[in-house]
Amino acid sequence: MTIKTYLKGAAAGLALLSGTQAAMADGHGITVAYFLEWPMPFEYAKAKGMYDEALGMDVNWVSFDTGTAMSAAMASGDVQIAVSQGVPPFVVAASAGQDLQILDVAVSYSDNDNCVVREDLEIDKDSAGELAGKKVAVPLGTAAHFGFLKQMSHFGVELGSLEVVDMAPPDGAAALAQGSVDMACGWGGSLRRMKEHGNVLLTGAEKEELGILVFDVTSGPAGWVAENSETVSKFLAVTAKANDMWNSGEHTDEMLPVIAKDAGMDEADAAASLATFTFPGLDDQLGEKWLGGGAQDFMKGVADVFVESGSIDGALDSYADNVNAGPLTAAKGM
C-alpha cells in the first residue's frame, strides 16, 4: 500500500465519520485519549483525580498508539479530547474535512521523535543516500511521518526508491530489532528501543534548523468544544497547573514516580524522556510563537509538505479556524 493510498483512505473515513458526532459525552463524563510510554505532568493530575474533581464528572482515559487513531476516535464520537496529539495527524484530519480544533500546546520535543537506521548498515547523515532501496517503518500521518519526509527531502532520497511500510512505533521498534526493516521512525519508549539497534541521522537541534519542529497539542471536535467550553477550560486549567508544578522543579520527587507509573515506565526512563520535553506556560502558549499565529502557520507548512510528497490530495487555504484559544484564555482565570 502506498503512503497516498493509506492517507486518502484514512481521510475518506474521517470525512464520513466527522458527521457522526452525535454520540458524544452523555453529561456524566468524558473520554480522553493519551499515549502510554509518553510521560507528562498531566499524568500526575490524572492519577490524583484532579481532572475528575475540577470537572465534577468522571474522566475516562483511553490509550492510543498513534495520533491518526485519536482523530478517528474523535470523529466517531468515542473520544472528546485528545492529549498530546501530534500536529501532522491533526493536519491530515483537518485537511480531510474533520472539524478539529487545537486547544493548547501540550509539549515540544524535537529530540524525542526521530528515525533510526539499523546499526549494521552504518549509514549516517554523510551517507544517507545509501538509504535508497531500503525498507522503512513509518507511522503514516504522524509527526514522525512529517519528520521522515523532511529528512528524506533534505538528504535528496527519492521516496519512490524506498519501501515504506505503515507501522505504529512499537511495531516499528520490534521490526528494527528483528532486522526486518532498515529504518524505523517513532517516538517515546519506542524510539528509545529503536536506538538500542541503530542511530539517528539528525539530532533534534539539526532537525529544528531544517524547520522540523516537533510539538503535540490537546485537541477536540469543534462542535463538542463549542457546546462544552467551560468543561474544556477546566480541563486545560488542570493541565496547566500540573505543568507549572513540574516546571517549577520543586515537585519532581513527588511527581516523577506517579507519572512514570501512569505512563507504564520505570522512573529512570521516564526521567530521561521528560528531560527532552518542554511544557510551555499559558502565556507562552497564547503568544505569537504558538497559538497566536505560529501553530497556524506551521500547520499550513506541514500540509503543504504532505501535498508535495503526494501523501494527501490537498491542503486548506488556512488553518486559522482549527485553533481555538478561547478555552485556554478562560483557563487563565481559573
Foldseek 3Di string as FASTA:
>chain_A
DDLQVVLVVLLVLLQVLQVQQPQADPVQEFEEEEAFLQFDLVLLCVLVVVLCVLLVHDYHYDYDLALSVVSNCQSNNNHFKYAFHWLQLVQSNVQSPRQKAFAFWRWWFLQFWFKWFFAVVVDALVRVLVCFQFEEEEQRRGLNNLLVLLSCVVSVHQPVRYHYDHDRLQVRLVCSVVVVGGMYIGGRPSVVSNVVGGGGHDGSVRSVVSVSIITGTMMGRPVVCVVPLQSLLSSVLSSLVSLVVVVVVPCCVPRQVSSQVSSVHDSVSSVVSVVRIDGDHLVVCCDCCHLVPVSFVSSQVSQVSCCVSSSYVHGDPTCNSNYDHVSSVVSVVD
